[in-house]
């Protein structure tokens, strides 16, 4: 069963969108390498003063291997938009019988 990884940091959502536009090829390169490492799904979300990455991975170890290999690239980008250390949490789906959406 896959896991959900969330990474939350304090930061500026508008600044992240601007950075993504300015350095699109660099961001896509990281995304392509994440695909090669097994990422199933990936999204950035923003709220006032907060950024969150939501990924689905086959397992926590796949994400951790990818993150260690890409840490230098990711940290360069995050330093430009984040104002706190990341909080990374791994989540497993609970069987509650009330699911809606996501296939």
PDB file of N, CA and C in Angstrom:
ATOM      1  N   UNK A   1       0.845  -1.177   0.000  1.00  0.00           N
ATOM      2  CA  UNK A   1       0.000   0.000   0.000  1.00  0.00           C
ATOM      3  C   UNK A   1       0.890   1.240   0.000  1.00  0.00           C
ATOM      4  N   UNK A   2       0.555   2.219  -0.801  1.00  0.00           N
ATOM      5  CA  UNK A   2       1.341   3.448  -0.902  1.00  0.00           C
ATOM      6  C   UNK A   2       1.164   4.318   0.344  1.00  0.00           C
ATOM      7  N   UNK A   3       2.037   5.321   0.442  1.00  0.00           N
ATOM      8  CA  UNK A   3       1.964   6.268   1.553  1.00  0.00           C
ATOM      9  C   UNK A   3       1.819   7.684   0.988  1.00  0.00           C
ATOM     10  N   UNK A   4       1.322   8.573   1.817  1.00  0.00           N
ATOM     11  CA  UNK A   4       1.287   9.992   1.496  1.00  0.00           C
ATOM     12  C   UNK A   4       2.381  10.653   2.321  1.00  0.00           C
ATOM     13  N   UNK A   5       3.173  11.501   1.665  1.00  0.00           N
ATOM     14  CA  UNK A   5       4.193  12.282   2.351  1.00  0.00           C
ATOM     15  C   UNK A   5       3.761  13.730   2.290  1.00  0.00           C
ATOM     16  N   UNK A   6       3.719  14.389   3.452  1.00  0.00           N
ATOM     17  CA  UNK A   6       3.498  15.828   3.461  1.00  0.00           C
ATOM     18  C   UNK A   6       4.757  16.500   3.985  1.00  0.00           C
ATOM     19  N   UNK A   7       5.108  17.606   3.345  1.00  0.00           N
ATOM     20  CA  UNK A   7       6.211  18.435   3.808  1.00  0.00           C
ATOM     21  C   UNK A   7       5.670  19.850   3.948  1.00  0.00           C
ATOM     22  N   UNK A   8       5.715  20.368   5.150  1.00  0.00           N
ATOM     23  CA  UNK A   8       5.200  21.718   5.413  1.00  0.00           C
ATOM     24  C   UNK A   8       6.333  22.628   5.851  1.00  0.00           C
ATOM     25  N   UNK A   9       6.290  23.874   5.353  1.00  0.00           N
ATOM     26  CA  UNK A   9       7.236  24.910   5.757  1.00  0.00           C
ATOM     27  C   UNK A   9       6.507  26.232   5.790  1.00  0.00           C
ATOM     28  N   UNK A  10       7.020  27.161   6.580  1.00  0.00           N
ATOM     29  CA  UNK A  10       6.547  28.542   6.495  1.00  0.00           C
ATOM     30  C   UNK A  10       7.176  29.124   5.235  1.00  0.00           C
ATOM     31  N   UNK A  11       6.395  29.891   4.500  1.00  0.00           N
ATOM     32  CA  UNK A  11       6.920  30.481   3.278  1.00  0.00           C
ATOM     33  C   UNK A  11       5.849  31.222   2.515  1.00  0.00           C
ATOM     34  N   UNK A  12       6.234  31.777   1.397  1.00  0.00           N
ATOM     35  CA  UNK A  12       5.374  32.641   0.591  1.00  0.00           C
ATOM     36  C   UNK A  12       4.894  31.891  -0.657  1.00  0.00           C
ATOM     37  N   UNK A  13       3.596  31.557  -0.709  1.00  0.00           N
ATOM     38  CA  UNK A  13       3.076  30.839  -1.887  1.00  0.00           C
ATOM     39  C   UNK A  13       3.284  31.587  -3.207  1.00  0.00           C
ATOM     40  N   UNK A  14       3.095  32.909  -3.205  1.00  0.00           N
ATOM     41  CA  UNK A  14       3.274  33.678  -4.445  1.00  0.00           C
ATOM     42  C   UNK A  14       4.726  33.629  -4.906  1.00  0.00           C
ATOM     43  N   UNK A  15       5.642  33.663  -3.966  1.00  0.00           N
ATOM     44  CA  UNK A  15       7.066  33.579  -4.286  1.00  0.00           C
ATOM     45  C   UNK A  15       7.401  32.210  -4.889  1.00  0.00           C
ATOM     46  N   UNK A  16       6.776  31.155  -4.372  1.00  0.00           N
ATOM     47  CA  UNK A  16       7.006  29.816  -4.926  1.00  0.00           C
ATOM     48  C   UNK A  16       6.498  29.736  -6.362  1.00  0.00           C
ATOM     49  N   UNK A  17       5.315  30.269  -6.622  1.00  0.00           N
ATOM     50  CA  UNK A  17       4.792  30.246  -7.998  1.00  0.00           C
ATOM     51  C   UNK A  17       5.688  31.041  -8.939  1.00  0.00           C
ATOM     52  N   UNK A  18       6.190  32.183  -8.479  1.00  0.00           N
ATOM     53  CA  UNK A  18       7.091  32.988  -9.310  1.00  0.00           C
ATOM     54  C   UNK A  18       8.397  32.228  -9.560  1.00  0.00           C
ATOM     55  N   UNK A  19       8.935  31.598  -8.527  1.00  0.00           N
ATOM     56  CA  UNK A  19      10.157  30.817  -8.670  1.00  0.00           C
ATOM     57  C   UNK A  19       9.942  29.660  -9.642  1.00  0.00           C
ATOM     58  N   UNK A  20       8.793  29.002  -9.538  1.00  0.00           N
ATOM     59  CA  UNK A  20       8.484  27.880 -10.434  1.00  0.00           C
ATOM     60  C   UNK A  20       8.429  28.343 -11.888  1.00  0.00           C
ATOM     61  N   UNK A  21       7.920  29.537 -12.119  1.00  0.00           N
ATOM     62  CA  UNK A  21       7.874  30.071 -13.486  1.00  0.00           C
ATOM     63  C   UNK A  21       9.275  30.441 -13.971  1.00  0.00           C
ATOM     64  N   UNK A  22      10.066  31.075 -13.109  1.00  0.00           N
ATOM     65  CA  UNK A  22      11.406  31.520 -13.482  1.00  0.00           C
ATOM     66  C   UNK A  22      12.372  30.348 -13.702  1.00  0.00           C
ATOM     67  N   UNK A  23      12.220  29.308 -12.886  1.00  0.00           N
ATOM     68  CA  UNK A  23      13.171  28.189 -12.920  1.00  0.00           C
ATOM     69  C   UNK A  23      12.448  26.881 -13.247  1.00  0.00           C
ATOM     70  N   UNK A  24      11.541  26.991 -14.208  1.00  0.00           N
ATOM     71  CA  UNK A  24      10.674  25.875 -14.589  1.00  0.00           C
ATOM     72  C   UNK A  24      11.476  24.623 -14.950  1.00  0.00           C
ATOM     73  N   UNK A  25      12.488  24.772 -15.777  1.00  0.00           N
ATOM     74  CA  UNK A  25      13.260  23.603 -16.230  1.00  0.00           C
ATOM     75  C   UNK A  25      13.928  22.893 -15.051  1.00  0.00           C
ATOM     76  N   UNK A  26      14.436  23.659 -14.102  1.00  0.00           N
ATOM     77  CA  UNK A  26      15.086  23.077 -12.926  1.00  0.00           C
ATOM     78  C   UNK A  26      14.073  22.285 -12.094  1.00  0.00           C
ATOM     79  N   UNK A  27      12.888  22.860 -11.905  1.00  0.00           N
ATOM     80  CA  UNK A  27      11.830  22.192 -11.142  1.00  0.00           C
ATOM     81  C   UNK A  27      11.360  20.923 -11.858  1.00  0.00           C
ATOM     82  N   UNK A  28      11.203  21.002 -13.162  1.00  0.00           N
ATOM     83  CA  UNK A  28      10.779  19.835 -13.938  1.00  0.00           C
ATOM     84  C   UNK A  28      11.847  18.742 -13.887  1.00  0.00           C
ATOM     85  N   UNK A  29      13.118  19.123 -13.854  1.00  0.00           N
ATOM     86  CA  UNK A  29      14.188  18.143 -13.727  1.00  0.00           C
ATOM     87  C   UNK A  29      14.062  17.350 -12.428  1.00  0.00           C
ATOM     88  N   UNK A  30      13.765  18.048 -11.327  1.00  0.00           N
ATOM     89  CA  UNK A  30      13.571  17.365 -10.049  1.00  0.00           C
ATOM     90  C   UNK A  30      12.351  16.452 -10.131  1.00  0.00           C
ATOM     91  N   UNK A  31      11.282  16.943 -10.733  1.00  0.00           N
ATOM     92  CA  UNK A  31      10.061  16.142 -10.879  1.00  0.00           C
ATOM     93  C   UNK A  31      10.319  14.892 -11.713  1.00  0.00           C
ATOM     94  N   UNK A  32      11.061  15.043 -12.800  1.00  0.00           N
ATOM     95  CA  UNK A  32      11.378  13.883 -13.643  1.00  0.00           C
ATOM     96  C   UNK A  32      12.188  12.841 -12.872  1.00  0.00           C
ATOM     97  N   UNK A  33      13.130  13.309 -12.051  1.00  0.00           N
ATOM     98  CA  UNK A  33      13.913  12.371 -11.250  1.00  0.00           C
ATOM     99  C   UNK A  33      13.063  11.725 -10.155  1.00  0.00           C
ATOM    100  N   UNK A  34      12.063  12.458  -9.655  1.00  0.00           N
ATOM    101  CA  UNK A  34      11.121  11.867  -8.691  1.00  0.00           C
ATOM    102  C   UNK A  34      10.311  10.761  -9.361  1.00  0.00           C
ATOM    103  N   UNK A  35       9.890  10.991 -10.598  1.00  0.00           N
ATOM    104  CA  UNK A  35       9.162   9.952 -11.334  1.00  0.00           C
ATOM    105  C   UNK A  35      10.031   8.707 -11.494  1.00  0.00           C
ATOM    106  N   UNK A  36      11.298   8.919 -11.851  1.00  0.00           N
ATOM    107  CA  UNK A  36      12.219   7.787 -11.986  1.00  0.00           C
ATOM    108  C   UNK A  36      12.385   7.048 -10.669  1.00  0.00           C
ATOM    109  N   UNK A  37      12.272   7.774  -9.550  1.00  0.00           N
ATOM    110  CA  UNK A  37      12.440   7.177  -8.209  1.00  0.00           C
ATOM    111  C   UNK A  37      11.160   6.542  -7.688  1.00  0.00           C
ATOM    112  N   UNK A  38      10.027   6.740  -8.416  1.00  0.00           N
ATOM    113  CA  UNK A  38       8.804   6.055  -8.037  1.00  0.00           C
ATOM    114  C   UNK A  38       7.649   6.901  -7.558  1.00  0.00           C
ATOM    115  N   UNK A  39       7.775   8.241  -7.575  1.00  0.00           N
ATOM    116  CA  UNK A  39       6.649   9.061  -7.105  1.00  0.00           C
ATOM    117  C   UNK A  39       5.398   8.731  -7.924  1.00  0.00           C
ATOM    118  N   UNK A  40       4.276   8.634  -7.241  1.00  0.00           N
ATOM    119  CA  UNK A  40       3.002   8.322  -7.888  1.00  0.00           C
ATOM    120  C   UNK A  40       2.238   9.602  -8.194  1.00  0.00           C
ATOM    121  N   UNK A  41       2.282  10.560  -7.277  1.00  0.00           N
ATOM    122  CA  UNK A  41       1.593  11.836  -7.446  1.00  0.00           C
ATOM    123  C   UNK A  41       2.342  12.911  -6.664  1.00  0.00           C
ATOM    124  N   UNK A  42       2.215  14.160  -7.118  1.00  0.00           N
ATOM    125  CA  UNK A  42       2.941  15.270  -6.486  1.00  0.00           C
ATOM    126  C   UNK A  42       2.173  16.561  -6.687  1.00  0.00           C
ATOM    127  N   UNK A  43       2.045  17.365  -5.636  1.00  0.00           N
ATOM    128  CA  UNK A  43       1.408  18.681  -5.714  1.00  0.00           C
ATOM    129  C   UNK A  43       2.036  19.609  -4.683  1.00  0.00           C
ATOM    130  N   UNK A  44       2.081  20.912  -5.003  1.00  0.00           N
ATOM    131  CA  UNK A  44       2.375  21.966  -4.034  1.00  0.00           C
ATOM    132  C   UNK A  44       1.055  22.641  -3.680  1.00  0.00           C
ATOM    133  N   UNK A  45       0.905  23.029  -2.423  1.00  0.00           N
ATOM    134  CA  UNK A  45      -0.249  23.794  -1.966  1.00  0.00           C
ATOM    135  C   UNK A  45       0.248  24.977  -1.163  1.00  0.00           C
ATOM    136  N   UNK A  46      -0.537  26.048  -1.148  1.00  0.00           N
ATOM    137  CA  UNK A  46      -0.160  27.226  -0.372  1.00  0.00           C
ATOM    138  C   UNK A  46      -1.339  27.780   0.400  1.00  0.00           C
ATOM    139  N   UNK A  47      -1.018  28.385   1.516  1.00  0.00           N
ATOM    140  CA  UNK A  47      -1.971  29.105   2.344  1.00  0.00           C
ATOM    141  C   UNK A  47      -1.220  30.321   2.848  1.00  0.00           C
ATOM    142  N   UNK A  48      -1.875  31.240   3.471  1.00  0.00           N
ATOM    143  CA  UNK A  48      -1.211  32.452   3.912  1.00  0.00           C
ATOM    144  C   UNK A  48       0.018  32.130   4.777  1.00  0.00           C
ATOM    145  N   UNK A  49       1.187  32.396   4.231  1.00  0.00           N
ATOM    146  CA  UNK A  49       2.428  32.188   4.960  1.00  0.00           C
ATOM    147  C   UNK A  49       2.865  30.743   5.114  1.00  0.00           C
ATOM    148  N   UNK A  50       2.235  29.828   4.351  1.00  0.00           N
ATOM    149  CA  UNK A  50       2.561  28.409   4.492  1.00  0.00           C
ATOM    150  C   UNK A  50       2.624  27.739   3.127  1.00  0.00           C
ATOM    151  N   UNK A  51       3.527  26.751   3.024  1.00  0.00           N
ATOM    152  CA  UNK A  51       3.648  25.922   1.829  1.00  0.00           C
ATOM    153  C   UNK A  51       3.570  24.464   2.246  1.00  0.00           C
ATOM    154  N   UNK A  52       2.972  23.655   1.380  1.00  0.00           N
ATOM    155  CA  UNK A  52       2.900  22.233   1.656  1.00  0.00           C
ATOM    156  C   UNK A  52       3.090  21.459   0.360  1.00  0.00           C
ATOM    157  N   UNK A  53       3.903  20.420   0.439  1.00  0.00           N
ATOM    158  CA  UNK A  53       4.057  19.454  -0.649  1.00  0.00           C
ATOM    159  C   UNK A  53       3.283  18.219  -0.231  1.00  0.00           C
ATOM    160  N   UNK A  54       2.484  17.683  -1.149  1.00  0.00           N
ATOM    161  CA  UNK A  54       1.772  16.429  -0.909  1.00  0.00           C
ATOM    162  C   UNK A  54       2.179  15.477  -2.019  1.00  0.00           C
ATOM    163  N   UNK A  55       2.831  14.381  -1.622  1.00  0.00           N
ATOM    164  CA  UNK A  55       3.277  13.362  -2.577  1.00  0.00           C
ATOM    165  C   UNK A  55       2.678  12.015  -2.194  1.00  0.00           C
ATOM    166  N   UNK A  56       2.480  11.184  -3.189  1.00  0.00           N
ATOM    167  CA  UNK A  56       2.184   9.778  -2.949  1.00  0.00           C
ATOM    168  C   UNK A  56       3.378   8.983  -3.462  1.00  0.00           C
ATOM    169  N   UNK A  57       3.885   8.076  -2.617  1.00  0.00           N
ATOM    170  CA  UNK A  57       5.041   7.238  -2.929  1.00  0.00           C
ATOM    171  C   UNK A  57       4.700   5.789  -2.633  1.00  0.00           C
ATOM    172  N   UNK A  58       5.401   4.845  -3.252  1.00  0.00           N
ATOM    173  CA  UNK A  58       5.154   3.433  -2.938  1.00  0.00           C
ATOM    174  C   UNK A  58       5.396   3.118  -1.462  1.00  0.00           C
ATOM    175  N   UNK A  59       6.405   3.789  -0.875  1.00  0.00           N
ATOM    176  CA  UNK A  59       6.738   3.588   0.536  1.00  0.00           C
ATOM    177  C   UNK A  59       7.627   4.743   0.986  1.00  0.00           C
ATOM    178  N   UNK A  60       7.792   4.888   2.295  1.00  0.00           N
ATOM    179  CA  UNK A  60       8.593   5.990   2.841  1.00  0.00           C
ATOM    180  C   UNK A  60      10.044   5.902   2.390  1.00  0.00           C
ATOM    181  N   UNK A  61      10.571   4.691   2.275  1.00  0.00           N
ATOM    182  CA  UNK A  61      11.964   4.506   1.884  1.00  0.00           C
ATOM    183  C   UNK A  61      12.238   5.051   0.479  1.00  0.00           C
ATOM    184  N   UNK A  62      11.288   4.899  -0.429  1.00  0.00           N
ATOM    185  CA  UNK A  62      11.460   5.428  -1.792  1.00  0.00           C
ATOM    186  C   UNK A  62      11.608   6.941  -1.754  1.00  0.00           C
ATOM    187  N   UNK A  63      10.737   7.598  -0.978  1.00  0.00           N
ATOM    188  CA  UNK A  63      10.856   9.053  -0.845  1.00  0.00           C
ATOM    189  C   UNK A  63      12.182   9.425  -0.202  1.00  0.00           C
ATOM    190  N   UNK A  64      12.565   8.757   0.865  1.00  0.00           N
ATOM    191  CA  UNK A  64      13.787   9.106   1.584  1.00  0.00           C
ATOM    192  C   UNK A  64      15.022   8.959   0.701  1.00  0.00           C
ATOM    193  N   UNK A  65      15.079   7.907  -0.108  1.00  0.00           N
ATOM    194  CA  UNK A  65      16.204   7.734  -1.046  1.00  0.00           C
ATOM    195  C   UNK A  65      16.243   8.893  -2.050  1.00  0.00           C
ATOM    196  N   UNK A  66      15.080   9.192  -2.627  1.00  0.00           N
ATOM    197  CA  UNK A  66      14.986  10.298  -3.589  1.00  0.00           C
ATOM    198  C   UNK A  66      15.414  11.610  -2.937  1.00  0.00           C
ATOM    199  N   UNK A  67      14.889  11.885  -1.748  1.00  0.00           N
ATOM    200  CA  UNK A  67      15.169  13.157  -1.081  1.00  0.00           C
ATOM    201  C   UNK A  67      16.659  13.301  -0.784  1.00  0.00           C
ATOM    202  N   UNK A  68      17.287  12.249  -0.345  1.00  0.00           N
ATOM    203  CA  UNK A  68      18.733  12.311  -0.064  1.00  0.00           C
ATOM    204  C   UNK A  68      19.530  12.563  -1.343  1.00  0.00           C
ATOM    205  N   UNK A  69      19.129  11.931  -2.447  1.00  0.00           N
ATOM    206  CA  UNK A  69      19.824  12.132  -3.725  1.00  0.00           C
ATOM    207  C   UNK A  69      19.624  13.541  -4.266  1.00  0.00           C
ATOM    208  N   UNK A  70      18.458  14.126  -4.011  1.00  0.00           N
ATOM    209  CA  UNK A  70      18.101  15.434  -4.575  1.00  0.00           C
ATOM    210  C   UNK A  70      18.197  16.579  -3.577  1.00  0.00           C
ATOM    211  N   UNK A  71      18.598  16.273  -2.342  1.00  0.00           N
ATOM    212  CA  UNK A  71      18.594  17.278  -1.269  1.00  0.00           C
ATOM    213  C   UNK A  71      19.248  18.591  -1.694  1.00  0.00           C
ATOM    214  N   UNK A  72      20.403  18.534  -2.310  1.00  0.00           N
ATOM    215  CA  UNK A  72      21.116  19.758  -2.698  1.00  0.00           C
ATOM    216  C   UNK A  72      20.275  20.605  -3.650  1.00  0.00           C
ATOM    217  N   UNK A  73      19.635  19.977  -4.635  1.00  0.00           N
ATOM    218  CA  UNK A  73      18.806  20.724  -5.590  1.00  0.00           C
ATOM    219  C   UNK A  73      17.555  21.294  -4.916  1.00  0.00           C
ATOM    220  N   UNK A  74      16.916  20.479  -4.094  1.00  0.00           N
ATOM    221  CA  UNK A  74      15.682  20.902  -3.431  1.00  0.00           C
ATOM    222  C   UNK A  74      15.964  22.038  -2.453  1.00  0.00           C
ATOM    223  N   UNK A  75      17.033  21.902  -1.672  1.00  0.00           N
ATOM    224  CA  UNK A  75      17.335  22.932  -0.667  1.00  0.00           C
ATOM    225  C   UNK A  75      17.654  24.278  -1.305  1.00  0.00           C
ATOM    226  N   UNK A  76      18.323  24.278  -2.451  1.00  0.00           N
ATOM    227  CA  UNK A  76      18.621  25.538  -3.144  1.00  0.00           C
ATOM    228  C   UNK A  76      17.321  26.276  -3.467  1.00  0.00           C
ATOM    229  N   UNK A  77      16.343  25.555  -3.984  1.00  0.00           N
ATOM    230  CA  UNK A  77      15.065  26.171  -4.329  1.00  0.00           C
ATOM    231  C   UNK A  77      14.284  26.583  -3.081  1.00  0.00           C
ATOM    232  N   UNK A  78      14.239  25.702  -2.090  1.00  0.00           N
ATOM    233  CA  UNK A  78      13.433  25.986  -0.901  1.00  0.00           C
ATOM    234  C   UNK A  78      13.983  27.161  -0.101  1.00  0.00           C
ATOM    235  N   UNK A  79      15.304  27.355  -0.114  1.00  0.00           N
ATOM    236  CA  UNK A  79      15.887  28.496   0.602  1.00  0.00           C
ATOM    237  C   UNK A  79      15.346  29.816   0.090  1.00  0.00           C
ATOM    238  N   UNK A  80      14.922  29.842  -1.166  1.00  0.00           N
ATOM    239  CA  UNK A  80      14.417  31.081  -1.753  1.00  0.00           C
ATOM    240  C   UNK A  80      12.978  31.387  -1.348  1.00  0.00           C
ATOM    241  N   UNK A  81      12.236  30.387  -0.869  1.00  0.00           N
ATOM    242  CA  UNK A  81      10.812  30.616  -0.559  1.00  0.00           C
ATOM    243  C   UNK A  81      10.424  30.236   0.865  1.00  0.00           C
ATOM    244  N   UNK A  82      11.192  29.367   1.516  1.00  0.00           N
ATOM    245  CA  UNK A  82      10.831  28.869   2.846  1.00  0.00           C
ATOM    246  C   UNK A  82      11.512  29.696   3.928  1.00  0.00           C
ATOM    247  N   UNK A  83      10.802  29.864   5.052  1.00  0.00           N
ATOM    248  CA  UNK A  83      11.356  30.615   6.170  1.00  0.00           C
ATOM    249  C   UNK A  83      11.418  29.761   7.440  1.00  0.00           C
ATOM    250  N   UNK A  84      11.262  28.446   7.277  1.00  0.00           N
ATOM    251  CA  UNK A  84      11.377  27.535   8.417  1.00  0.00           C
ATOM    252  C   UNK A  84      11.946  26.211   7.922  1.00  0.00           C
ATOM    253  N   UNK A  85      12.315  25.376   8.864  1.00  0.00           N
ATOM    254  CA  UNK A  85      12.754  24.025   8.524  1.00  0.00           C
ATOM    255  C   UNK A  85      11.542  23.196   8.110  1.00  0.00           C
ATOM    256  N   UNK A  86      11.716  22.233   7.206  1.00  0.00           N
ATOM    257  CA  UNK A  86      10.568  21.424   6.780  1.00  0.00           C
ATOM    258  C   UNK A  86      10.134  20.436   7.859  1.00  0.00           C
ATOM    259  N   UNK A  87       8.840  20.218   7.893  1.00  0.00           N
ATOM    260  CA  UNK A  87       8.255  19.164   8.726  1.00  0.00           C
ATOM    261  C   UNK A  87       7.741  18.099   7.760  1.00  0.00           C
ATOM    262  N   UNK A  88       8.366  16.930   7.772  1.00  0.00           N
ATOM    263  CA  UNK A  88       7.982  15.841   6.871  1.00  0.00           C
ATOM    264  C   UNK A  88       7.255  14.782   7.684  1.00  0.00           C
ATOM    265  N   UNK A  89       6.065  14.394   7.193  1.00  0.00           N
ATOM    266  CA  UNK A  89       5.245  13.382   7.863  1.00  0.00           C
ATOM    267  C   UNK A  89       4.804  12.364   6.810  1.00  0.00           C
ATOM    268  N   UNK A  90       4.856  11.091   7.181  1.00  0.00           N
ATOM    269  CA  UNK A  90       4.370  10.013   6.312  1.00  0.00           C
ATOM    270  C   UNK A  90       3.028   9.544   6.853  1.00  0.00           C
ATOM    271  N   UNK A  91       2.079   9.366   5.934  1.00  0.00           N
ATOM    272  CA  UNK A  91       0.708   9.001   6.297  1.00  0.00           C
ATOM    273  C   UNK A  91       0.327   7.703   5.594  1.00  0.00           C
ATOM    274  N   UNK A  92      -0.395   6.852   6.280  1.00  0.00           N
ATOM    275  CA  UNK A  92      -0.953   5.655   5.657  1.00  0.00           C
ATOM    276  C   UNK A  92      -2.465   5.786   5.646  1.00  0.00           C
ATOM    277  N   UNK A  93      -3.073   5.252   4.598  1.00  0.00           N
ATOM    278  CA  UNK A  93      -4.526   5.312   4.449  1.00  0.00           C
ATOM    279  C   UNK A  93      -5.184   4.413   5.491  1.00  0.00           C
ATOM    280  N   UNK A  94      -6.192   4.935   6.126  1.00  0.00           N
ATOM    281  CA  UNK A  94      -6.976   4.168   7.085  1.00  0.00           C
ATOM    282  C   UNK A  94      -8.219   3.626   6.396  1.00  0.00           C
ATOM    283  N   UNK A  95      -8.620   2.440   6.723  1.00  0.00           N
ATOM    284  CA  UNK A  95      -9.810   1.821   6.134  1.00  0.00           C
ATOM    285  C   UNK A  95     -11.021   2.189   6.984  1.00  0.00           C
ATOM    286  N   UNK A  96     -11.774   3.178   6.499  1.00  0.00           N
ATOM    287  CA  UNK A  96     -12.954   3.658   7.232  1.00  0.00           C
ATOM    288  C   UNK A  96     -14.257   3.473   6.465  1.00  0.00           C
ATOM    289  N   UNK A  97     -14.160   3.134   5.170  1.00  0.00           N
ATOM    290  CA  UNK A  97     -15.355   2.866   4.384  1.00  0.00           C
ATOM    291  C   UNK A  97     -16.126   4.087   3.936  1.00  0.00           C
ATOM    292  N   UNK A  98     -15.596   5.284   4.124  1.00  0.00           N
ATOM    293  CA  UNK A  98     -16.331   6.497   3.724  1.00  0.00           C
ATOM    294  C   UNK A  98     -15.587   7.322   2.685  1.00  0.00           C
ATOM    295  N   UNK A  99     -14.720   6.670   1.897  1.00  0.00           N
ATOM    296  CA  UNK A  99     -13.903   7.372   0.920  1.00  0.00           C
ATOM    297  C   UNK A  99     -14.738   8.011  -0.177  1.00  0.00           C
ATOM    298  N   UNK A 100     -14.261   9.167  -0.654  1.00  0.00           N
ATOM    299  CA  UNK A 100     -14.850   9.860  -1.789  1.00  0.00           C
ATOM    300  C   UNK A 100     -13.708  10.315  -2.679  1.00  0.00           C
ATOM    301  N   UNK A 101     -13.787  10.020  -3.969  1.00  0.00           N
ATOM    302  CA  UNK A 101     -12.797  10.502  -4.931  1.00  0.00           C
ATOM    303  C   UNK A 101     -11.493   9.735  -4.930  1.00  0.00           C
ATOM    304  N   UNK A 102     -10.498  10.261  -5.666  1.00  0.00           N
ATOM    305  CA  UNK A 102      -9.167   9.679  -5.845  1.00  0.00           C
ATOM    306  C   UNK A 102      -9.196   8.264  -6.377  1.00  0.00           C
ATOM    307  N   UNK A 103     -10.192   7.923  -7.155  1.00  0.00           N
ATOM    308  CA  UNK A 103     -10.211   6.633  -7.841  1.00  0.00           C
ATOM    309  C   UNK A 103     -10.613   5.503  -7.071  1.00  0.00           C
TER     310      UNK A 103
END
